[in-house]
PDB file of N, CA and C in Angstrom:
ATOM      1  N   MET A   1     -93.792 -34.790-139.857  1.00  0.00           N
ATOM      2  CA  MET A   1     -93.474 -36.236-140.484  1.00  0.00           C
ATOM      3  C   MET A   1     -94.428 -37.084-139.687  1.00  0.00           C
ATOM      4  N   SER A   2     -94.974 -38.064-140.439  1.00  0.00           N
ATOM      5  CA  SER A   2     -95.814 -39.068-139.886  1.00  0.00           C
ATOM      6  C   SER A   2     -94.988 -40.349-139.822  1.00  0.00           C
ATOM      7  N   ASP A   3     -95.113 -41.246-138.686  1.00  0.00           N
ATOM      8  CA  ASP A   3     -94.486 -42.416-138.518  1.00  0.00           C
ATOM      9  C   ASP A   3     -95.324 -43.569-139.040  1.00  0.00           C
ATOM     10  N   ASN A   4     -96.640 -43.175-139.469  1.00  0.00           N
ATOM     11  CA  ASN A   4     -97.593 -44.265-139.925  1.00  0.00           C
ATOM     12  C   ASN A   4     -97.435 -44.446-141.415  1.00  0.00           C
ATOM     13  N   MET A   5     -97.335 -45.594-141.948  1.00  0.00           N
ATOM     14  CA  MET A   5     -97.184 -45.824-143.319  1.00  0.00           C
ATOM     15  C   MET A   5     -98.195 -47.076-143.740  1.00  0.00           C
ATOM     16  N   ASP A   6     -99.012 -46.910-144.692  1.00  0.00           N
ATOM     17  CA  ASP A   6     -99.884 -47.932-145.147  1.00  0.00           C
ATOM     18  C   ASP A   6     -99.053 -49.110-145.766  1.00  0.00           C
ATOM     19  N   LEU A   7     -99.076 -50.329-145.114  1.00  0.00           N
ATOM     20  CA  LEU A   7     -98.138 -51.301-145.685  1.00  0.00           C
ATOM     21  C   LEU A   7     -98.435 -51.791-146.961  1.00  0.00           C
ATOM     22  N   THR A   8     -99.702 -51.547-147.557  1.00  0.00           N
ATOM     23  CA  THR A   8    -100.020 -51.866-148.962  1.00  0.00           C
ATOM     24  C   THR A   8     -99.132 -51.170-149.924  1.00  0.00           C
ATOM     25  N   GLU A   9     -98.620 -49.928-149.534  1.00  0.00           N
ATOM     26  CA  GLU A   9     -97.656 -49.132-150.432  1.00  0.00           C
ATOM     27  C   GLU A   9     -96.405 -49.899-150.503  1.00  0.00           C
ATOM     28  N   LEU A  10     -96.088 -50.864-149.683  1.00  0.00           N
ATOM     29  CA  LEU A  10     -94.759 -51.510-149.753  1.00  0.00           C
ATOM     30  C   LEU A  10     -94.787 -52.811-150.567  1.00  0.00           C
ATOM     31  N   GLY A  11     -96.011 -53.299-150.754  1.00  0.00           N
ATOM     32  CA  GLY A  11     -96.291 -54.687-151.286  1.00  0.00           C
ATOM     33  C   GLY A  11     -96.303 -54.526-152.825  1.00  0.00           C
ATOM     34  N   ASP A  12     -96.768 -55.685-153.466  1.00  0.00           N
ATOM     35  CA  ASP A  12     -96.840 -55.836-154.951  1.00  0.00           C
ATOM     36  C   ASP A  12     -98.131 -54.775-155.305  1.00  0.00           C
ATOM     37  N   ALA A  13     -97.737 -54.061-156.285  1.00  0.00           N
ATOM     38  CA  ALA A  13     -98.796 -53.149-156.779  1.00  0.00           C
ATOM     39  C   ALA A  13    -100.002 -53.795-157.468  1.00  0.00           C
ATOM     40  N   ASN A  14     -99.811 -55.041-157.822  1.00  0.00           N
ATOM     41  CA  ASN A  14    -100.901 -55.696-158.497  1.00  0.00           C
ATOM     42  C   ASN A  14    -101.678 -56.546-157.554  1.00  0.00           C
ATOM     43  N   ALA A  15    -101.375 -56.654-156.313  1.00  0.00           N
ATOM     44  CA  ALA A  15    -102.063 -57.500-155.364  1.00  0.00           C
ATOM     45  C   ALA A  15    -103.172 -56.706-154.776  1.00  0.00           C
ATOM     46  N   PRO A  16    -104.391 -57.335-154.526  1.00  0.00           N
ATOM     47  CA  PRO A  16    -105.429 -56.555-154.028  1.00  0.00           C
ATOM     48  C   PRO A  16    -105.292 -56.143-152.677  1.00  0.00           C
ATOM     49  N   ALA A  17    -105.704 -54.827-152.319  1.00  0.00           N
ATOM     50  CA  ALA A  17    -105.603 -54.354-150.962  1.00  0.00           C
ATOM     51  C   ALA A  17    -106.377 -55.095-149.987  1.00  0.00           C
ATOM     52  N   PRO A  18    -105.969 -55.383-148.795  1.00  0.00           N
ATOM     53  CA  PRO A  18    -106.827 -56.017-147.851  1.00  0.00           C
ATOM     54  C   PRO A  18    -108.020 -55.165-147.338  1.00  0.00           C
ATOM     55  N   GLU A  19    -109.057 -55.820-147.112  1.00  0.00           N
ATOM     56  CA  GLU A  19    -110.307 -55.211-146.581  1.00  0.00           C
ATOM     57  C   GLU A  19    -109.970 -54.595-145.249  1.00  0.00           C
ATOM     58  N   PRO A  20    -110.283 -53.325-144.962  1.00  0.00           N
ATOM     59  CA  PRO A  20    -110.091 -52.721-143.632  1.00  0.00           C
ATOM     60  C   PRO A  20    -111.115 -53.413-142.597  1.00  0.00           C
ATOM     61  N   THR A  21    -110.615 -53.700-141.503  1.00  0.00           N
ATOM     62  CA  THR A  21    -111.505 -54.393-140.566  1.00  0.00           C
ATOM     63  C   THR A  21    -111.356 -53.596-139.215  1.00  0.00           C
ATOM     64  N   GLY A  22    -110.972 -52.429-139.296  1.00  0.00           N
ATOM     65  CA  GLY A  22    -110.840 -51.566-137.983  1.00  0.00           C
ATOM     66  C   GLY A  22    -109.480 -51.124-137.754  1.00  0.00           C
ATOM     67  N   PRO A  23    -109.178 -50.549-136.624  1.00  0.00           N
ATOM     68  CA  PRO A  23    -107.900 -49.949-136.429  1.00  0.00           C
ATOM     69  C   PRO A  23    -106.864 -51.064-136.333  1.00  0.00           C
ATOM     70  N   ARG A  24    -105.692 -50.978-136.973  1.00  0.00           N
ATOM     71  CA  ARG A  24    -104.659 -51.958-136.841  1.00  0.00           C
ATOM     72  C   ARG A  24    -103.766 -51.630-135.716  1.00  0.00           C
ATOM     73  N   THR A  25    -103.256 -52.748-135.052  1.00  0.00           N
ATOM     74  CA  THR A  25    -102.449 -52.577-133.997  1.00  0.00           C
ATOM     75  C   THR A  25    -101.104 -53.236-134.309  1.00  0.00           C
ATOM     76  N   ALA A  26    -100.044 -52.918-133.460  1.00  0.00           N
ATOM     77  CA  ALA A  26     -98.661 -53.420-133.740  1.00  0.00           C
ATOM     78  C   ALA A  26     -98.739 -55.057-133.843  1.00  0.00           C
ATOM     79  N   ARG A  27     -99.669 -55.650-133.043  1.00  0.00           N
ATOM     80  CA  ARG A  27     -99.739 -57.108-132.994  1.00  0.00           C
ATOM     81  C   ARG A  27    -100.297 -57.602-134.454  1.00  0.00           C
ATOM     82  N   ASP A  28    -101.022 -56.838-135.039  1.00  0.00           N
ATOM     83  CA  ASP A  28    -101.659 -57.181-136.393  1.00  0.00           C
ATOM     84  C   ASP A  28    -100.529 -57.294-137.390  1.00  0.00           C
ATOM     85  N   LEU A  29     -99.484 -56.526-137.241  1.00  0.00           N
ATOM     86  CA  LEU A  29     -98.383 -56.535-138.200  1.00  0.00           C
ATOM     87  C   LEU A  29     -97.283 -57.462-137.890  1.00  0.00           C
ATOM     88  N   GLU A  30     -97.316 -58.203-136.908  1.00  0.00           N
ATOM     89  CA  GLU A  30     -96.173 -59.111-136.487  1.00  0.00           C
ATOM     90  C   GLU A  30     -95.874 -60.127-137.598  1.00  0.00           C
ATOM     91  N   ALA A  31     -96.805 -60.555-138.507  1.00  0.00           N
ATOM     92  CA  ALA A  31     -96.634 -61.441-139.493  1.00  0.00           C
ATOM     93  C   ALA A  31     -95.628 -60.852-140.686  1.00  0.00           C
ATOM     94  N   VAL A  32     -95.444 -59.585-140.871  1.00  0.00           N
ATOM     95  CA  VAL A  32     -94.697 -58.912-141.720  1.00  0.00           C
ATOM     96  C   VAL A  32     -93.426 -58.497-141.308  1.00  0.00           C
ATOM     97  N   TYR A  33     -93.135 -58.542-139.982  1.00  0.00           N
ATOM     98  CA  TYR A  33     -91.835 -57.952-139.452  1.00  0.00           C
ATOM     99  C   TYR A  33     -90.549 -58.562-140.028  1.00  0.00           C
ATOM    100  N   ASP A  34     -90.714 -59.906-140.253  1.00  0.00           N
ATOM    101  CA  ASP A  34     -89.375 -60.562-140.790  1.00  0.00           C
ATOM    102  C   ASP A  34     -89.319 -60.574-142.335  1.00  0.00           C
ATOM    103  N   ILE A  35     -90.152 -59.817-143.003  1.00  0.00           N
ATOM    104  CA  ILE A  35     -90.126 -59.882-144.519  1.00  0.00           C
ATOM    105  C   ILE A  35     -88.967 -58.829-144.827  1.00  0.00           C
ATOM    106  N   PRO A  36     -87.916 -59.352-145.697  1.00  0.00           N
ATOM    107  CA  PRO A  36     -86.961 -58.285-145.957  1.00  0.00           C
ATOM    108  C   PRO A  36     -87.464 -57.525-147.144  1.00  0.00           C
ATOM    109  N   VAL A  37     -86.947 -56.234-147.032  1.00  0.00           N
ATOM    110  CA  VAL A  37     -87.220 -55.147-148.062  1.00  0.00           C
ATOM    111  C   VAL A  37     -85.935 -54.586-148.477  1.00  0.00           C
ATOM    112  N   THR A  38     -85.886 -53.885-149.713  1.00  0.00           N
ATOM    113  CA  THR A  38     -84.666 -53.281-150.110  1.00  0.00           C
ATOM    114  C   THR A  38     -84.974 -51.830-150.110  1.00  0.00           C
ATOM    115  N   VAL A  39     -84.052 -51.206-149.333  1.00  0.00           N
ATOM    116  CA  VAL A  39     -84.108 -49.659-149.157  1.00  0.00           C
ATOM    117  C   VAL A  39     -83.046 -48.993-150.051  1.00  0.00           C
ATOM    118  N   SER A  40     -83.365 -48.124-150.768  1.00  0.00           N
ATOM    119  CA  SER A  40     -82.382 -47.337-151.721  1.00  0.00           C
ATOM    120  C   SER A  40     -82.591 -45.909-151.407  1.00  0.00           C
ATOM    121  N   ALA A  41     -81.511 -45.258-151.331  1.00  0.00           N
ATOM    122  CA  ALA A  41     -81.343 -43.771-151.277  1.00  0.00           C
ATOM    123  C   ALA A  41     -80.730 -43.222-152.517  1.00  0.00           C
ATOM    124  N   VAL A  42     -81.624 -42.411-153.326  1.00  0.00           N
ATOM    125  CA  VAL A  42     -81.037 -41.861-154.593  1.00  0.00           C
ATOM    126  C   VAL A  42     -80.660 -40.525-154.367  1.00  0.00           C
ATOM    127  N   LEU A  43     -79.398 -40.321-154.574  1.00  0.00           N
ATOM    128  CA  LEU A  43     -78.874 -38.778-154.560  1.00  0.00           C
ATOM    129  C   LEU A  43     -79.337 -38.021-155.657  1.00  0.00           C
ATOM    130  N   GLY A  44     -79.570 -38.584-156.838  1.00  0.00           N
ATOM    131  CA  GLY A  44     -79.988 -37.862-158.047  1.00  0.00           C
ATOM    132  C   GLY A  44     -79.867 -38.702-159.256  1.00  0.00           C
ATOM    133  N   LYS A  45     -80.248 -38.177-160.307  1.00  0.00           N
ATOM    134  CA  LYS A  45     -80.132 -38.915-161.651  1.00  0.00           C
ATOM    135  C   LYS A  45     -79.501 -38.063-162.710  1.00  0.00           C
ATOM    136  N   ALA A  46     -79.057 -38.871-163.729  1.00  0.00           N
ATOM    137  CA  ALA A  46     -78.540 -38.191-164.835  1.00  0.00           C
ATOM    138  C   ALA A  46     -78.839 -38.913-166.049  1.00  0.00           C
ATOM    139  N   THR A  47     -78.962 -38.275-167.252  1.00  0.00           N
ATOM    140  CA  THR A  47     -79.383 -38.952-168.411  1.00  0.00           C
ATOM    141  C   THR A  47     -78.133 -38.662-169.374  1.00  0.00           C
ATOM    142  N   MET A  48     -77.635 -39.712-170.070  1.00  0.00           N
ATOM    143  CA  MET A  48     -76.568 -39.495-170.981  1.00  0.00           C
ATOM    144  C   MET A  48     -76.609 -40.500-172.121  1.00  0.00           C
ATOM    145  N   GLN A  49     -75.922 -40.244-173.275  1.00  0.00           N
ATOM    146  CA  GLN A  49     -75.897 -41.269-174.135  1.00  0.00           C
ATOM    147  C   GLN A  49     -74.847 -42.312-173.943  1.00  0.00           C
ATOM    148  N   VAL A  50     -74.982 -43.527-174.474  1.00  0.00           N
ATOM    149  CA  VAL A  50     -74.025 -44.591-174.356  1.00  0.00           C
ATOM    150  C   VAL A  50     -72.687 -44.130-174.687  1.00  0.00           C
ATOM    151  N   SER A  51     -72.481 -43.199-175.786  1.00  0.00           N
ATOM    152  CA  SER A  51     -71.055 -42.907-176.147  1.00  0.00           C
ATOM    153  C   SER A  51     -70.552 -41.926-175.012  1.00  0.00           C
ATOM    154  N   GLN A  52     -71.326 -41.184-174.298  1.00  0.00           N
ATOM    155  CA  GLN A  52     -70.826 -40.458-173.208  1.00  0.00           C
ATOM    156  C   GLN A  52     -70.430 -41.185-172.077  1.00  0.00           C
ATOM    157  N   LEU A  53     -71.300 -42.208-171.813  1.00  0.00           N
ATOM    158  CA  LEU A  53     -70.964 -43.252-170.693  1.00  0.00           C
ATOM    159  C   LEU A  53     -69.617 -44.006-170.884  1.00  0.00           C
ATOM    160  N   LEU A  54     -69.424 -44.368-172.102  1.00  0.00           N
ATOM    161  CA  LEU A  54     -68.288 -45.078-172.417  1.00  0.00           C
ATOM    162  C   LEU A  54     -67.010 -44.224-172.227  1.00  0.00           C
ATOM    163  N   LYS A  55     -67.067 -42.947-172.407  1.00  0.00           N
ATOM    164  CA  LYS A  55     -66.008 -41.998-172.330  1.00  0.00           C
ATOM    165  C   LYS A  55     -65.572 -41.738-170.881  1.00  0.00           C
ATOM    166  N   LEU A  56     -66.447 -42.206-169.912  1.00  0.00           N
ATOM    167  CA  LEU A  56     -66.110 -41.750-168.546  1.00  0.00           C
ATOM    168  C   LEU A  56     -65.000 -42.609-167.968  1.00  0.00           C
ATOM    169  N   GLY A  57     -64.181 -42.083-167.199  1.00  0.00           N
ATOM    170  CA  GLY A  57     -63.070 -42.785-166.639  1.00  0.00           C
ATOM    171  C   GLY A  57     -62.860 -42.458-165.026  1.00  0.00           C
ATOM    172  N   ARG A  58     -61.856 -42.917-164.582  1.00  0.00           N
ATOM    173  CA  ARG A  58     -61.602 -42.661-163.295  1.00  0.00           C
ATOM    174  C   ARG A  58     -61.482 -41.189-162.901  1.00  0.00           C
ATOM    175  N   GLY A  59     -62.166 -40.654-161.916  1.00  0.00           N
ATOM    176  CA  GLY A  59     -62.129 -39.246-161.685  1.00  0.00           C
ATOM    177  C   GLY A  59     -63.217 -38.348-162.432  1.00  0.00           C
ATOM    178  N   ALA A  60     -63.893 -38.980-163.321  1.00  0.00           N
ATOM    179  CA  ALA A  60     -64.864 -38.385-164.152  1.00  0.00           C
ATOM    180  C   ALA A  60     -66.034 -37.885-163.225  1.00  0.00           C
ATOM    181  N   VAL A  61     -66.678 -36.783-163.377  1.00  0.00           N
ATOM    182  CA  VAL A  61     -67.779 -36.214-162.649  1.00  0.00           C
ATOM    183  C   VAL A  61     -69.047 -36.280-163.511  1.00  0.00           C
ATOM    184  N   VAL A  62     -70.062 -36.931-162.928  1.00  0.00           N
ATOM    185  CA  VAL A  62     -71.370 -37.057-163.684  1.00  0.00           C
ATOM    186  C   VAL A  62     -72.327 -36.048-162.774  1.00  0.00           C
ATOM    187  N   GLU A  63     -72.788 -35.056-163.431  1.00  0.00           N
ATOM    188  CA  GLU A  63     -73.618 -34.110-162.822  1.00  0.00           C
ATOM    189  C   GLU A  63     -75.041 -34.532-162.689  1.00  0.00           C
ATOM    190  N   LEU A  64     -75.625 -34.511-161.387  1.00  0.00           N
ATOM    191  CA  LEU A  64     -76.957 -35.029-161.131  1.00  0.00           C
ATOM    192  C   LEU A  64     -78.003 -33.982-161.306  1.00  0.00           C
ATOM    193  N   ASP A  65     -79.155 -34.438-161.235  1.00  0.00           N
ATOM    194  CA  ASP A  65     -80.300 -33.325-161.342  1.00  0.00           C
ATOM    195  C   ASP A  65     -80.667 -32.854-160.031  1.00  0.00           C
ATOM    196  N   ARG A  66     -79.927 -32.919-159.087  1.00  0.00           N
ATOM    197  CA  ARG A  66     -80.202 -32.244-157.646  1.00  0.00           C
ATOM    198  C   ARG A  66     -79.076 -31.248-157.265  1.00  0.00           C
ATOM    199  N   LYS A  67     -79.541 -30.389-156.424  1.00  0.00           N
ATOM    200  CA  LYS A  67     -78.543 -29.344-155.955  1.00  0.00           C
ATOM    201  C   LYS A  67     -77.979 -29.750-154.577  1.00  0.00           C
ATOM    202  N   LEU A  68     -76.871 -29.402-154.213  1.00  0.00           N
ATOM    203  CA  LEU A  68     -76.298 -29.523-152.933  1.00  0.00           C
ATOM    204  C   LEU A  68     -77.403 -29.139-151.787  1.00  0.00           C
ATOM    205  N   GLY A  69     -77.528 -30.150-150.799  1.00  0.00           N
ATOM    206  CA  GLY A  69     -78.396 -29.799-149.829  1.00  0.00           C
ATOM    207  C   GLY A  69     -80.008 -30.094-150.101  1.00  0.00           C
ATOM    208  N   GLU A  70     -80.337 -30.423-151.357  1.00  0.00           N
ATOM    209  CA  GLU A  70     -81.635 -30.838-151.755  1.00  0.00           C
ATOM    210  C   GLU A  70     -81.994 -32.172-151.127  1.00  0.00           C
ATOM    211  N   ALA A  71     -83.181 -32.498-150.680  1.00  0.00           N
ATOM    212  CA  ALA A  71     -83.502 -33.674-150.224  1.00  0.00           C
ATOM    213  C   ALA A  71     -83.331 -34.873-151.204  1.00  0.00           C
ATOM    214  N   ILE A  72     -82.982 -36.026-150.665  1.00  0.00           N
ATOM    215  CA  ILE A  72     -82.722 -37.196-151.525  1.00  0.00           C
ATOM    216  C   ILE A  72     -84.075 -38.120-151.464  1.00  0.00           C
ATOM    217  N   ASP A  73     -84.218 -38.934-152.484  1.00  0.00           N
ATOM    218  CA  ASP A  73     -85.450 -39.768-152.492  1.00  0.00           C
ATOM    219  C   ASP A  73     -85.042 -41.177-151.782  1.00  0.00           C
ATOM    220  N   ILE A  74     -85.916 -41.633-151.071  1.00  0.00           N
ATOM    221  CA  ILE A  74     -85.762 -42.864-150.353  1.00  0.00           C
ATOM    222  C   ILE A  74     -86.922 -43.899-150.880  1.00  0.00           C
ATOM    223  N   TYR A  75     -86.498 -44.969-151.419  1.00  0.00           N
ATOM    224  CA  TYR A  75     -87.324 -46.039-152.062  1.00  0.00           C
ATOM    225  C   TYR A  75     -87.293 -47.249-151.184  1.00  0.00           C
ATOM    226  N   VAL A  76     -88.427 -47.906-151.017  1.00  0.00           N
ATOM    227  CA  VAL A  76     -88.509 -49.203-150.470  1.00  0.00           C
ATOM    228  C   VAL A  76     -89.117 -50.158-151.546  1.00  0.00           C
ATOM    229  N   ASN A  77     -88.252 -51.253-151.940  1.00  0.00           N
ATOM    230  CA  ASN A  77     -88.858 -52.120-152.984  1.00  0.00           C
ATOM    231  C   ASN A  77     -89.083 -51.375-154.238  1.00  0.00           C
ATOM    232  N   ASN A  78     -88.216 -50.371-154.631  1.00  0.00           N
ATOM    233  CA  ASN A  78     -88.517 -49.535-155.950  1.00  0.00           C
ATOM    234  C   ASN A  78     -89.704 -48.588-155.930  1.00  0.00           C
ATOM    235  N   ARG A  79     -90.228 -48.357-154.685  1.00  0.00           N
ATOM    236  CA  ARG A  79     -91.392 -47.388-154.533  1.00  0.00           C
ATOM    237  C   ARG A  79     -90.996 -46.285-153.700  1.00  0.00           C
ATOM    238  N   LEU A  80     -91.180 -44.964-154.233  1.00  0.00           N
ATOM    239  CA  LEU A  80     -90.789 -43.839-153.408  1.00  0.00           C
ATOM    240  C   LEU A  80     -91.689 -43.698-152.143  1.00  0.00           C
ATOM    241  N   VAL A  81     -90.978 -43.776-151.010  1.00  0.00           N
ATOM    242  CA  VAL A  81     -91.750 -43.654-149.783  1.00  0.00           C
ATOM    243  C   VAL A  81     -91.437 -42.459-148.914  1.00  0.00           C
ATOM    244  N   ALA A  82     -90.218 -41.860-149.027  1.00  0.00           N
ATOM    245  CA  ALA A  82     -89.862 -40.763-148.295  1.00  0.00           C
ATOM    246  C   ALA A  82     -88.812 -39.975-148.891  1.00  0.00           C
ATOM    247  N   ARG A  83     -88.535 -38.822-148.381  1.00  0.00           N
ATOM    248  CA  ARG A  83     -87.455 -37.887-148.804  1.00  0.00           C
ATOM    249  C   ARG A  83     -86.665 -37.742-147.476  1.00  0.00           C
ATOM    250  N   GLY A  84     -85.334 -37.443-147.759  1.00  0.00           N
ATOM    251  CA  GLY A  84     -84.476 -37.276-146.542  1.00  0.00           C
ATOM    252  C   GLY A  84     -83.134 -36.624-146.697  1.00  0.00           C
ATOM    253  N   GLU A  85     -82.207 -36.693-145.770  1.00  0.00           N
ATOM    254  CA  GLU A  85     -80.990 -36.112-146.039  1.00  0.00           C
ATOM    255  C   GLU A  85     -79.829 -37.254-145.619  1.00  0.00           C
ATOM    256  N   VAL A  86     -78.751 -36.935-146.344  1.00  0.00           N
ATOM    257  CA  VAL A  86     -77.593 -37.848-145.993  1.00  0.00           C
ATOM    258  C   VAL A  86     -76.886 -37.425-144.704  1.00  0.00           C
ATOM    259  N   VAL A  87     -76.714 -38.476-143.882  1.00  0.00           N
ATOM    260  CA  VAL A  87     -75.798 -38.123-142.654  1.00  0.00           C
ATOM    261  C   VAL A  87     -74.697 -39.046-142.511  1.00  0.00           C
ATOM    262  N   MET A  88     -73.705 -38.680-141.654  1.00  0.00           N
ATOM    263  CA  MET A  88     -72.604 -39.539-141.540  1.00  0.00           C
ATOM    264  C   MET A  88     -72.820 -40.288-140.265  1.00  0.00           C
ATOM    265  N   VAL A  89     -72.738 -41.666-140.276  1.00  0.00           N
ATOM    266  CA  VAL A  89     -73.044 -42.518-139.103  1.00  0.00           C
ATOM    267  C   VAL A  89     -71.785 -42.752-138.293  1.00  0.00           C
ATOM    268  N   ASP A  90     -70.618 -42.989-138.774  1.00  0.00           N
ATOM    269  CA  ASP A  90     -69.406 -42.947-138.053  1.00  0.00           C
ATOM    270  C   ASP A  90     -68.389 -42.395-139.123  1.00  0.00           C
ATOM    271  N   ASP A  91     -67.133 -42.729-138.881  1.00  0.00           N
ATOM    272  CA  ASP A  91     -66.000 -42.064-139.700  1.00  0.00           C
ATOM    273  C   ASP A  91     -66.053 -42.356-141.168  1.00  0.00           C
ATOM    274  N   ASN A  92     -66.649 -43.623-141.434  1.00  0.00           N
ATOM    275  CA  ASN A  92     -66.592 -43.966-142.890  1.00  0.00           C
ATOM    276  C   ASN A  92     -67.900 -44.577-143.479  1.00  0.00           C
ATOM    277  N   ARG A  93     -69.103 -44.341-142.840  1.00  0.00           N
ATOM    278  CA  ARG A  93     -70.342 -44.907-143.072  1.00  0.00           C
ATOM    279  C   ARG A  93     -71.450 -43.687-143.240  1.00  0.00           C
ATOM    280  N   LEU A  94     -72.076 -43.880-144.299  1.00  0.00           N
ATOM    281  CA  LEU A  94     -73.244 -42.918-144.587  1.00  0.00           C
ATOM    282  C   LEU A  94     -74.503 -43.514-144.203  1.00  0.00           C
ATOM    283  N   GLY A  95     -75.422 -42.690-143.857  1.00  0.00           N
ATOM    284  CA  GLY A  95     -76.963 -43.043-143.591  1.00  0.00           C
ATOM    285  C   GLY A  95     -77.858 -42.035-144.161  1.00  0.00           C
ATOM    286  N   VAL A  96     -79.104 -42.274-143.956  1.00  0.00           N
ATOM    287  CA  VAL A  96     -80.108 -41.283-144.287  1.00  0.00           C
ATOM    288  C   VAL A  96     -81.143 -41.112-143.231  1.00  0.00           C
ATOM    289  N   THR A  97     -81.505 -39.883-143.060  1.00  0.00           N
ATOM    290  CA  THR A  97     -82.612 -39.518-141.969  1.00  0.00           C
ATOM    291  C   THR A  97     -83.833 -39.036-142.910  1.00  0.00           C
ATOM    292  N   MET A  98     -84.862 -39.738-142.506  1.00  0.00           N
ATOM    293  CA  MET A  98     -86.175 -39.257-143.353  1.00  0.00           C
ATOM    294  C   MET A  98     -86.672 -37.968-142.747  1.00  0.00           C
ATOM    295  N   THR A  99     -86.942 -37.006-143.565  1.00  0.00           N
ATOM    296  CA  THR A  99     -87.462 -35.866-143.322  1.00  0.00           C
ATOM    297  C   THR A  99     -88.924 -35.567-143.666  1.00  0.00           C
ATOM    298  N   GLU A 100     -89.387 -36.539-144.547  1.00  0.00           N
ATOM    299  CA  GLU A 100     -90.789 -36.329-145.142  1.00  0.00           C
ATOM    300  C   GLU A 100     -91.175 -37.740-145.623  1.00  0.00           C
ATOM    301  N   ILE A 101     -92.463 -38.195-145.243  1.00  0.00           N
ATOM    302  CA  ILE A 101     -93.049 -39.319-145.785  1.00  0.00           C
ATOM    303  C   ILE A 101     -93.838 -38.988-146.993  1.00  0.00           C
ATOM    304  N   VAL A 102     -93.700 -39.764-148.101  1.00  0.00           N
ATOM    305  CA  VAL A 102     -94.365 -39.477-149.395  1.00  0.00           C
ATOM    306  C   VAL A 102     -95.537 -40.390-149.425  1.00  0.00           C
ATOM    307  N   LYS A 103     -96.707 -39.824-149.424  1.00  0.00           N
ATOM    308  CA  LYS A 103     -97.939 -40.602-149.651  1.00  0.00           C
ATOM    309  C   LYS A 103     -98.328 -40.517-151.132  1.00  0.00           C
ATOM    310  N   SER A 104     -98.467 -41.725-151.723  1.00  0.00           N
ATOM    311  CA  SER A 104     -98.907 -41.703-153.159  1.00  0.00           C
ATOM    312  C   SER A 104    -100.076 -42.539-153.427  1.00  0.00           C
ATOM    313  N   ASP A 105    -101.153 -42.035-153.983  1.00  0.00           N
ATOM    314  CA  ASP A 105    -102.305 -42.705-154.318  1.00  0.00           C
ATOM    315  C   ASP A 105    -102.099 -43.442-155.666  1.00  0.00           C
ATOM    316  N   GLN A 106    -101.090 -43.131-156.414  1.00  0.00           N
ATOM    317  CA  GLN A 106    -100.892 -43.627-157.734  1.00  0.00           C
ATOM    318  C   GLN A 106    -100.206 -44.976-157.642  1.00  0.00           C
ATOM    319  N   ARG A 107    -100.644 -45.984-158.466  1.00  0.00           N
ATOM    320  CA  ARG A 107     -99.910 -47.262-158.459  1.00  0.00           C
ATOM    321  C   ARG A 107     -99.350 -47.345-159.812  1.00  0.00           C
ATOM    322  N   PRO A 108     -98.039 -47.833-159.980  1.00  0.00           N
ATOM    323  CA  PRO A 108     -97.292 -47.809-161.149  1.00  0.00           C
ATOM    324  C   PRO A 108     -97.843 -48.827-162.053  1.00  0.00           C
TER     325      PRO A 108
END
C-alpha cells in the first residue's frame, strides 16, 4: 500500500493538472491542508425498481453486490481512491482502514 496520492486525483476533473516542477515536499502542500473533502465508504450497491423500493419497510433486507469480508470502496469527493475494511472504533462507532490505494488514469 502506498501512502502517496496525486492530489490532482482529488480535485475537479475539469481543472488542468499543474505542471510538474520537481519533487513535491510537505511544505508545498500546506495550502491544501485545510480544504474540506467528503469521504464516503460504500459497503455495496443494489439496483431495484421504484415499486420494490416503495415496498421496503422496517426490518427489510436489501441484498448488496458484495460478499461478507469483501473490500469496500472508499471515495473522496465522489472519486474512488481506495479499498478497505470496516473496523469498530469503539463500542458504537464504525471506521474504515485502507488496505489498497486505487490509482486511476481515467477521468470521469
